[in-house]
Amino acid sequence: MLSRFAQTVGKRAIKGYKPQKLPNRNDNVIIAMSSGVDSSVSAALFAEQYPNARGIYIQSWGKSQSLTDPQLEPCYERDWKDVGRVAEHLGIPVDKVNFEKEYWLDVFEPMLESYNKGWTPNPDIGCNRFVKFGKLREYLDQQYGANNYWLVTGHYARVLSSSYNDQPHLLRSFYPAKDQSYYLSQVDTDILGQLIFPTGHLTKPEVRELAVAAGLTTTSQKPDSQGICFVNNSQSGKFKHFLEHYLPNSPGNIVTIEEDGNKRVWGRHPGLWSHTIGQKVGLSMPQGDPRYAGSWYISDKLQDSNELVIVRGRDNPALYQDTVTITNTFSLDLNFRRLMKEAIEQGKLFIQYRSLQDPIAVKDCHFDQDETVLKLGSAQRAMAPGQYCCLYLQNRVLGSGTISRVGT
């Protein structure tokens, strides 16, 4: 399997980058396993030829935090059993580590704080930064010694070394439909050189074919995970209702801004966190009145008055902006600002404020202390404070920051 993988990767070389480096035979190879087909195939690729290959499973959620039905098996217990079956089939040992505390403090609580401000956070980016490639790295450094192991995961992205200076760069996946580079945009650069993302060089159908070839017939048909498992298994099954268990009830009005500048109240909300910019609202509007007929969407959140503003029509101009300001920027290159400026001059700088959206060209930027203000090539719909804005030099990730302001 590994030779077949290497041949495939060789045919997909990228100009300016060296081929994917593989471990020496006796190196320590640790595969982060989550029970899905991507991490299982990643484990299968290294299990046969590397005697020091072993799996590791991260539990980041526990019974003390769970809201699941006690009669249902928690997702983390089910996944751990599945990981054990895959590891046994592949003939490799697997360890289980518990990072519940770290996930709660570094990912979950900051997410709640962001929602409580009415922002729209993405906890997956924080989980990758602080848990999967943060706390796990500390643990592996203690077990094997710093820089004395390879960490393999099933993420759809690529880490390749530059042909010019050997510096490792984070790149988009070969298969755009599953690219996860957005979620990895704040991973510490110090560990990039030890990471291997095998599935980042493959298509999803190829991954499933390899799963069958490895005898992982059940795993090969396993559906892709959608969202956070402990939310999917929550009592309500909906993220909004899940958040109600953790966020204070702070009701306010849902309003329109009339032509005369006055506000008209149409309903109530339980908190600014309950909706995001661009989201459709299920309000009963007077459909017989042409001014109010049709669908309505959240266009703004008024912090001072605790109000949600709605506008008519999915493509209402109020939902579109061509300027975005980001803060707390995390860069993957010491020459971050210079590279941004050069990329803009060459028409090669792009952003994404959601995963798997089409890249958006940046035509200008300026830096103001801790802020980066980006002028986009075209107005974009439903950019919201709290979202991560990932910056790309073509297919290479330069870093990301948190959107703090939309519009001028």
Protein backbone atom coordinates (compact mmCIF):
# COMPACT_ATOMS: atom_id res chain seq x y z
CA MET A 1 0.00 0.00 0.00
CA LEU A 2 2.74 2.46 0.92
CA SER A 3 4.52 1.98 -2.42
CA ARG A 4 1.24 2.58 -4.26
CA PHE A 5 0.72 5.72 -2.18
CA ALA A 6 4.28 6.94 -2.89
CA GLN A 7 3.77 6.46 -6.64
CA THR A 8 0.53 8.43 -6.54
CA VAL A 9 2.15 11.25 -4.57
CA GLY A 10 5.09 11.33 -6.97
CA LYS A 11 2.76 11.99 -9.88
CA ARG A 12 1.22 14.91 -8.00
CA ALA A 13 4.40 16.84 -7.25
CA ILE A 14 4.08 20.61 -6.86
CA LYS A 15 6.53 22.95 -8.54
CA GLY A 16 8.76 24.61 -5.97
CA TYR A 17 8.35 21.83 -3.40
CA LYS A 18 10.23 18.65 -2.64
CA PRO A 19 8.41 15.29 -2.77
CA GLN A 20 6.61 14.14 0.38
CA LYS A 21 9.24 12.96 2.83
CA LEU A 22 8.63 9.60 4.50
CA PRO A 23 10.08 8.30 7.78
CA ASN A 24 13.09 6.01 7.98
CA ARG A 25 12.13 2.42 8.69
CA ASN A 26 12.89 2.49 12.44
CA ASP A 27 11.52 5.97 13.16
CA ASN A 28 8.72 6.43 15.67
CA VAL A 29 5.51 6.91 13.68
CA ILE A 30 2.44 7.95 15.69
CA ILE A 31 -0.92 7.94 13.92
CA ALA A 32 -3.75 9.98 15.44
CA MET A 33 -6.81 7.75 15.01
CA SER A 34 -10.41 8.90 15.29
CA SER A 35 -12.17 5.75 13.95
CA GLY A 36 -12.99 7.33 10.57
CA VAL A 37 -11.83 6.07 7.19
CA ASP A 38 -9.25 8.85 6.71
CA SER A 39 -7.25 8.19 9.88
CA SER A 40 -7.71 4.42 9.50
CA VAL A 41 -6.19 4.48 6.01
CA SER A 42 -3.40 6.73 7.26
CA ALA A 43 -2.64 4.07 9.90
CA ALA A 44 -2.83 1.27 7.34
CA LEU A 45 -0.27 2.98 5.11
CA PHE A 46 2.37 2.91 7.85
CA ALA A 47 1.42 -0.19 9.82
CA GLU A 48 3.01 -2.79 7.57
CA GLN A 49 6.49 -1.35 6.95
CA TYR A 50 7.19 0.56 10.16
CA PRO A 51 7.84 -1.57 13.25
CA ASN A 52 7.57 1.49 15.54
CA ALA A 53 4.20 2.60 14.21
CA ARG A 54 1.41 2.91 16.76
CA GLY A 55 -1.94 4.62 17.01
CA ILE A 56 -3.15 7.18 19.51
CA TYR A 57 -6.73 8.19 20.30
CA ILE A 58 -7.62 11.54 21.87
CA GLN A 59 -10.63 11.81 24.15
CA SER A 60 -11.52 15.47 24.53
CA TRP A 61 -15.06 15.16 25.87
CA GLY A 62 -16.30 13.16 28.86
CA LYS A 63 -19.26 12.05 30.91
CA SER A 64 -19.02 15.03 33.23
CA GLN A 65 -19.60 17.34 30.25
CA SER A 66 -22.02 15.19 28.28
CA LEU A 67 -25.69 15.96 27.73
CA THR A 68 -26.39 12.72 25.91
CA ASP A 69 -29.15 10.29 26.73
CA PRO A 70 -27.67 7.96 29.39
CA GLN A 71 -29.10 5.00 27.47
CA LEU A 72 -27.02 5.92 24.40
CA GLU A 73 -23.38 4.97 24.13
CA PRO A 74 -21.32 8.21 24.15
CA CYS A 75 -19.59 8.96 20.86
CA TYR A 76 -16.12 8.94 22.43
CA GLU A 77 -16.62 5.42 23.83
CA ARG A 78 -17.97 4.16 20.52
CA ASP A 79 -15.09 5.74 18.59
CA TRP A 80 -12.51 4.27 20.99
CA LYS A 81 -13.90 0.79 20.41
CA ASP A 82 -13.79 1.30 16.64
CA VAL A 83 -10.20 2.55 16.84
CA GLY A 84 -9.26 -0.55 18.83
CA ARG A 85 -10.78 -2.84 16.18
CA VAL A 86 -8.88 -1.07 13.38
CA ALA A 87 -5.59 -1.17 15.30
CA GLU A 88 -6.04 -4.86 16.07
CA HIS A 89 -6.75 -5.59 12.41
CA LEU A 90 -3.61 -3.68 11.36
CA GLY A 91 -1.49 -5.28 14.07
CA ILE A 92 -0.37 -2.07 15.75
CA PRO A 93 -0.68 -0.98 19.39
CA VAL A 94 -2.88 2.00 20.21
CA ASP A 95 -2.87 4.34 23.19
CA LYS A 96 -5.67 6.48 24.59
CA VAL A 97 -5.03 9.92 26.05
CA ASN A 98 -7.52 12.14 27.83
CA PHE A 99 -7.35 15.86 27.12
CA GLU A 100 -10.80 16.84 28.40
CA LYS A 101 -9.42 19.57 30.65
CA GLU A 102 -7.35 21.14 27.89
CA TYR A 103 -10.26 21.04 25.44
CA TRP A 104 -12.59 22.65 27.97
CA LEU A 105 -10.18 25.45 28.96
CA ASP A 106 -8.54 26.21 25.62
CA VAL A 107 -11.33 25.49 23.15
CA PHE A 108 -14.79 25.14 24.67
CA GLU A 109 -14.79 28.06 27.12
CA PRO A 110 -13.32 30.52 24.58
CA MET A 111 -15.99 29.36 22.14
CA LEU A 112 -18.72 30.11 24.68
CA GLU A 113 -17.23 33.53 25.42
CA SER A 114 -17.22 34.33 21.72
CA TYR A 115 -20.82 33.22 21.26
CA ASN A 116 -21.83 35.23 24.32
CA LYS A 117 -20.49 38.35 22.59
CA GLY A 118 -22.71 37.58 19.62
CA TRP A 119 -19.77 36.40 17.50
CA THR A 120 -19.51 33.31 15.29
CA PRO A 121 -16.48 31.21 16.37
CA ASN A 122 -15.06 28.02 14.90
CA PRO A 123 -13.91 25.63 17.66
CA ASP A 124 -12.31 23.19 15.19
CA ILE A 125 -9.44 25.61 14.55
CA GLY A 126 -8.80 25.99 18.28
CA CYS A 127 -8.99 22.23 18.78
CA ASN A 128 -6.30 21.66 16.15
CA ARG A 129 -4.08 24.38 17.57
CA PHE A 130 -4.36 23.64 21.28
CA VAL A 131 -5.28 19.95 21.49
CA LYS A 132 -4.51 17.81 18.42
CA PHE A 133 -1.26 19.62 17.61
CA GLY A 134 -0.70 21.34 20.95
CA LYS A 135 -1.29 19.18 24.00
CA LEU A 136 -0.74 16.01 21.97
CA ARG A 137 2.62 17.35 20.86
CA GLU A 138 3.63 18.02 24.48
CA TYR A 139 2.62 14.48 25.38
CA LEU A 140 4.57 12.92 22.49
CA ASP A 141 7.63 15.08 23.25
CA GLN A 142 7.64 13.61 26.76
CA GLN A 143 7.17 10.06 25.49
CA TYR A 144 9.66 10.04 22.60
CA GLY A 145 11.69 13.21 22.86
CA ALA A 146 11.23 16.39 20.85
CA ASN A 147 11.75 15.92 17.10
CA ASN A 148 12.09 12.17 17.61
CA TYR A 149 8.82 11.08 16.03
CA TRP A 150 6.48 11.62 13.09
CA LEU A 151 2.84 12.50 13.67
CA VAL A 152 0.47 11.19 11.02
CA THR A 153 -3.17 12.28 10.81
CA GLY A 154 -6.05 11.91 8.36
CA HIS A 155 -6.43 15.61 7.56
CA TYR A 156 -6.93 16.67 3.96
CA ALA A 157 -4.00 19.04 3.63
CA ARG A 158 -0.31 18.77 2.73
CA VAL A 159 2.94 19.73 4.43
CA LEU A 160 5.79 19.95 1.95
CA SER A 161 9.28 21.43 2.17
CA SER A 162 10.30 24.26 -0.10
CA SER A 163 12.84 23.36 -2.78
CA TYR A 164 14.67 26.59 -1.98
CA ASN A 165 15.26 26.51 1.78
CA ASP A 166 13.71 23.29 3.18
CA GLN A 167 11.13 25.33 5.11
CA PRO A 168 7.95 23.27 5.58
CA HIS A 169 4.78 24.89 4.29
CA LEU A 170 1.13 24.06 4.87
CA LEU A 171 -0.70 23.61 1.57
CA ARG A 172 -4.20 22.88 0.38
CA SER A 173 -5.23 19.30 -0.19
CA PHE A 174 -4.90 17.77 -3.66
CA TYR A 175 -8.65 17.08 -3.44
CA PRO A 176 -10.40 20.47 -3.08
CA ALA A 177 -13.76 18.96 -2.14
CA LYS A 178 -12.34 17.81 1.22
CA ASP A 179 -9.61 20.39 1.84
CA GLN A 180 -9.06 21.06 5.57
CA SER A 181 -6.15 23.49 5.40
CA TYR A 182 -8.48 26.22 6.72
CA TYR A 183 -8.87 24.30 9.99
CA LEU A 184 -5.09 23.90 10.31
CA SER A 185 -4.23 27.55 9.75
CA GLN A 186 -3.12 28.15 13.36
CA VAL A 187 -1.01 25.05 13.93
CA ASP A 188 2.42 25.92 15.37
CA THR A 189 5.06 26.09 12.64
CA ASP A 190 7.56 24.27 14.89
CA ILE A 191 5.74 20.97 14.40
CA LEU A 192 5.02 21.24 10.68
CA GLY A 193 8.21 19.43 9.74
CA GLN A 194 7.11 16.37 11.73
CA LEU A 195 3.63 16.10 10.24
CA ILE A 196 2.44 13.81 7.48
CA PHE A 197 -1.07 14.07 6.05
CA PRO A 198 -1.33 11.09 3.68
CA THR A 199 -4.94 11.70 2.65
CA GLY A 200 -4.06 15.23 1.62
CA HIS A 201 -2.41 13.76 -1.46
CA LEU A 202 -5.42 11.61 -2.36
CA THR A 203 -9.05 11.92 -3.40
CA LYS A 204 -11.77 10.65 -1.11
CA PRO A 205 -12.67 7.79 -3.51
CA GLU A 206 -9.00 6.75 -3.52
CA VAL A 207 -8.98 6.74 0.28
CA ARG A 208 -12.01 4.47 0.35
CA GLU A 209 -10.38 2.16 -2.22
CA LEU A 210 -7.29 1.90 -0.03
CA ALA A 211 -9.50 1.08 2.95
CA VAL A 212 -10.94 -1.87 1.04
CA ALA A 213 -7.44 -2.95 -0.04
CA ALA A 214 -6.37 -2.90 3.62
CA GLY A 215 -9.30 -5.11 4.61
CA LEU A 216 -11.09 -2.27 6.39
CA THR A 217 -14.37 -3.06 4.67
CA THR A 218 -16.63 -1.65 7.39
CA THR A 219 -14.57 1.49 7.79
CA SER A 220 -14.44 2.04 4.03
CA GLN A 221 -18.18 2.71 3.99
CA LYS A 222 -18.29 4.75 7.17
CA PRO A 223 -19.86 8.16 6.49
CA ASP A 224 -17.84 11.32 7.04
CA SER A 225 -18.31 12.89 10.45
CA GLN A 226 -20.57 15.93 10.45
CA GLY A 227 -20.04 18.48 13.18
CA ILE A 228 -19.11 17.68 16.77
CA CYS A 229 -20.19 14.24 17.93
CA PHE A 230 -21.27 15.28 21.43
CA VAL A 231 -23.51 17.93 19.88
CA ASN A 232 -25.01 15.49 17.38
CA ASN A 233 -25.84 13.21 20.32
CA SER A 234 -27.15 15.97 22.56
CA GLN A 235 -30.68 15.87 23.88
CA SER A 236 -32.05 18.15 21.21
CA GLY A 237 -29.64 17.28 18.45
CA LYS A 238 -29.35 20.94 17.47
CA PHE A 239 -26.40 23.18 18.20
CA LYS A 240 -28.56 26.16 19.18
CA HIS A 241 -30.33 24.12 21.84
CA PHE A 242 -27.01 22.64 22.93
CA LEU A 243 -25.67 26.15 23.58
CA GLU A 244 -28.71 27.01 25.70
CA HIS A 245 -27.29 24.70 28.39
CA TYR A 246 -24.13 26.83 28.66
CA LEU A 247 -25.03 30.42 27.74
CA PRO A 248 -27.17 32.89 29.72
CA ASN A 249 -30.64 33.71 28.52
CA SER A 250 -30.48 37.31 27.33
CA PRO A 251 -33.60 37.94 25.25
CA GLY A 252 -33.95 40.88 22.93
CA ASN A 253 -35.91 42.14 19.96
CA ILE A 254 -35.70 41.15 16.29
CA VAL A 255 -36.21 44.34 14.31
CA THR A 256 -36.24 45.93 10.89
CA ILE A 257 -34.91 49.41 10.21
CA GLU A 258 -37.72 51.20 8.38
CA GLU A 259 -37.26 53.79 5.62
CA ASP A 260 -37.76 56.60 8.13
CA GLY A 261 -34.96 55.20 10.30
CA ASN A 262 -37.24 53.90 13.03
CA LYS A 263 -37.18 50.30 14.22
CA ARG A 264 -40.09 47.91 13.99
CA VAL A 265 -40.18 44.87 16.28
CA TRP A 266 -41.12 41.51 14.71
CA GLY A 267 -40.14 38.99 17.32
CA ARG A 268 -37.79 38.00 20.13
CA HIS A 269 -34.53 36.11 20.38
CA PRO A 270 -32.96 34.30 23.40
CA GLY A 271 -29.55 35.92 22.89
CA LEU A 272 -27.40 37.39 20.12
CA TRP A 273 -25.56 34.06 20.08
CA SER A 274 -28.70 32.29 18.81
CA HIS A 275 -28.29 33.52 15.23
CA THR A 276 -25.44 34.37 12.90
CA ILE A 277 -25.09 36.94 10.16
CA GLY A 278 -26.76 35.76 6.95
CA GLN A 279 -28.95 33.19 8.67
CA LYS A 280 -32.58 32.86 7.58
CA VAL A 281 -35.09 33.61 10.33
CA GLY A 282 -38.41 31.83 10.68
CA LEU A 283 -40.62 34.80 11.48
CA SER A 284 -44.22 35.24 10.43
CA MET A 285 -44.10 38.32 8.23
CA PRO A 286 -47.15 39.86 6.50
CA GLN A 287 -46.83 38.16 3.12
CA GLY A 288 -49.73 40.17 1.71
CA ASP A 289 -47.69 43.36 2.08
CA PRO A 290 -45.12 43.64 -0.77
CA ARG A 291 -42.74 45.44 1.62
CA TYR A 292 -42.50 42.35 3.83
CA ALA A 293 -43.22 39.39 1.54
CA GLY A 294 -40.48 36.80 1.12
CA SER A 295 -37.71 35.41 3.30
CA TRP A 296 -35.80 37.42 5.90
CA TYR A 297 -32.19 37.17 7.05
CA ILE A 298 -29.99 38.44 9.89
CA SER A 299 -27.96 41.41 8.66
CA ASP A 300 -26.60 42.90 11.89
CA LYS A 301 -26.30 42.47 15.65
CA LEU A 302 -26.69 45.60 17.75
CA GLN A 303 -24.67 44.97 20.89
CA ASP A 304 -25.76 48.08 22.79
CA SER A 305 -29.48 47.44 22.41
CA ASN A 306 -29.24 43.62 22.22
CA GLU A 307 -31.18 43.55 18.93
CA LEU A 308 -31.00 41.45 15.80
CA VAL A 309 -31.60 43.36 12.56
CA ILE A 310 -33.24 41.54 9.66
CA VAL A 311 -33.47 42.35 5.95
CA ARG A 312 -35.58 40.92 3.13
CA GLY A 313 -34.03 38.63 0.55
CA ARG A 314 -31.05 36.31 0.64
CA ASP A 315 -29.07 38.59 -1.66
CA ASN A 316 -29.96 41.84 0.06
CA PRO A 317 -27.07 44.33 -0.40
CA ALA A 318 -26.94 44.79 3.40
CA LEU A 319 -25.55 41.25 3.65
CA TYR A 320 -22.54 42.04 1.42
CA GLN A 321 -19.27 43.79 2.30
CA ASP A 322 -15.92 44.13 0.55
CA THR A 323 -13.76 45.08 3.55
CA VAL A 324 -12.85 42.94 6.53
CA THR A 325 -10.63 43.58 9.57
CA ILE A 326 -8.86 40.74 11.35
CA THR A 327 -7.05 40.64 14.69
CA ASN A 328 -5.00 38.10 16.67
CA THR A 329 -3.33 37.08 13.44
CA PHE A 330 -1.38 33.85 13.61
CA SER A 331 1.26 33.68 10.87
CA LEU A 332 3.02 30.63 9.46
CA ASP A 333 5.94 32.65 8.07
CA LEU A 334 8.27 35.22 9.63
CA ASN A 335 7.93 37.32 6.46
CA PHE A 336 4.14 37.26 6.69
CA ARG A 337 3.46 40.95 5.94
CA ARG A 338 5.99 41.19 3.13
CA LEU A 339 4.63 38.03 1.51
CA MET A 340 1.09 39.41 1.71
CA LYS A 341 2.08 42.63 -0.03
CA GLU A 342 3.99 40.80 -2.74
CA ALA A 343 1.14 38.35 -3.27
CA ILE A 344 -1.34 41.21 -3.70
CA GLU A 345 0.90 42.82 -6.33
CA GLN A 346 1.00 39.49 -8.19
CA GLY A 347 -2.71 38.80 -7.79
CA LYS A 348 -1.99 35.71 -5.69
CA LEU A 349 -3.41 36.57 -2.25
CA PHE A 350 -6.74 34.99 -1.34
CA ILE A 351 -8.86 34.54 1.76
CA GLN A 352 -11.50 32.16 3.03
CA TYR A 353 -13.75 32.91 5.97
CA ARG A 354 -15.38 29.50 5.75
CA SER A 355 -13.96 26.12 4.87
CA LEU A 356 -14.58 24.81 1.34
CA GLN A 357 -15.69 28.12 -0.10
CA ASP A 358 -14.20 29.47 -3.31
CA PRO A 359 -11.04 31.52 -2.64
CA ILE A 360 -11.65 35.28 -2.57
CA ALA A 361 -9.07 37.61 -4.10
CA VAL A 362 -7.57 40.39 -1.99
CA LYS A 363 -6.75 43.57 -3.86
CA ASP A 364 -5.26 45.65 -1.04
CA CYS A 365 -4.37 45.54 2.66
CA HIS A 366 -2.92 47.72 5.35
CA PHE A 367 -1.67 47.04 8.86
CA ASP A 368 -2.66 49.12 11.88
CA GLN A 369 -0.91 47.89 15.03
CA ASP A 370 -2.62 44.57 15.81
CA GLU A 371 -5.18 44.87 13.01
CA THR A 372 -5.01 43.79 9.40
CA VAL A 373 -7.54 45.45 7.09
CA LEU A 374 -8.26 43.63 3.83
CA LYS A 375 -9.95 45.12 0.78
CA LEU A 376 -11.49 42.33 -1.27
CA GLY A 377 -11.84 42.07 -5.01
CA SER A 378 -15.60 41.65 -4.67
CA ALA A 379 -18.22 42.05 -1.95
CA GLN A 380 -18.87 38.87 0.04
CA ARG A 381 -22.00 37.63 1.74
CA ALA A 382 -22.42 37.12 5.49
CA MET A 383 -18.94 37.70 6.83
CA ALA A 384 -19.28 37.78 10.61
CA PRO A 385 -17.14 38.81 13.60
CA GLY A 386 -15.65 35.77 15.29
CA GLN A 387 -15.13 33.80 12.11
CA TYR A 388 -11.57 32.89 11.20
CA CYS A 389 -10.19 34.50 8.07
CA CYS A 390 -7.54 32.29 6.49
CA LEU A 391 -4.95 33.85 4.18
CA TYR A 392 -3.55 31.96 1.20
CA LEU A 393 -0.65 32.61 -1.13
CA GLN A 394 -2.26 30.68 -3.95
CA ASN A 395 -2.44 27.19 -2.38
CA ARG A 396 -0.13 27.87 0.55
CA VAL A 397 -1.51 28.90 3.95
CA LEU A 398 0.14 32.05 5.28
CA GLY A 399 -1.88 32.19 8.49
CA SER A 400 -5.23 33.30 9.82
CA GLY A 401 -6.88 35.74 12.18
CA THR A 402 -10.21 36.45 13.82
CA ILE A 403 -12.64 38.73 12.03
CA SER A 404 -13.29 41.66 14.38
CA ARG A 405 -15.07 44.04 12.03
CA VAL A 406 -16.85 43.82 8.69
CA GLY A 407 -17.14 46.87 6.43
CA THR A 408 -15.33 50.17 6.71
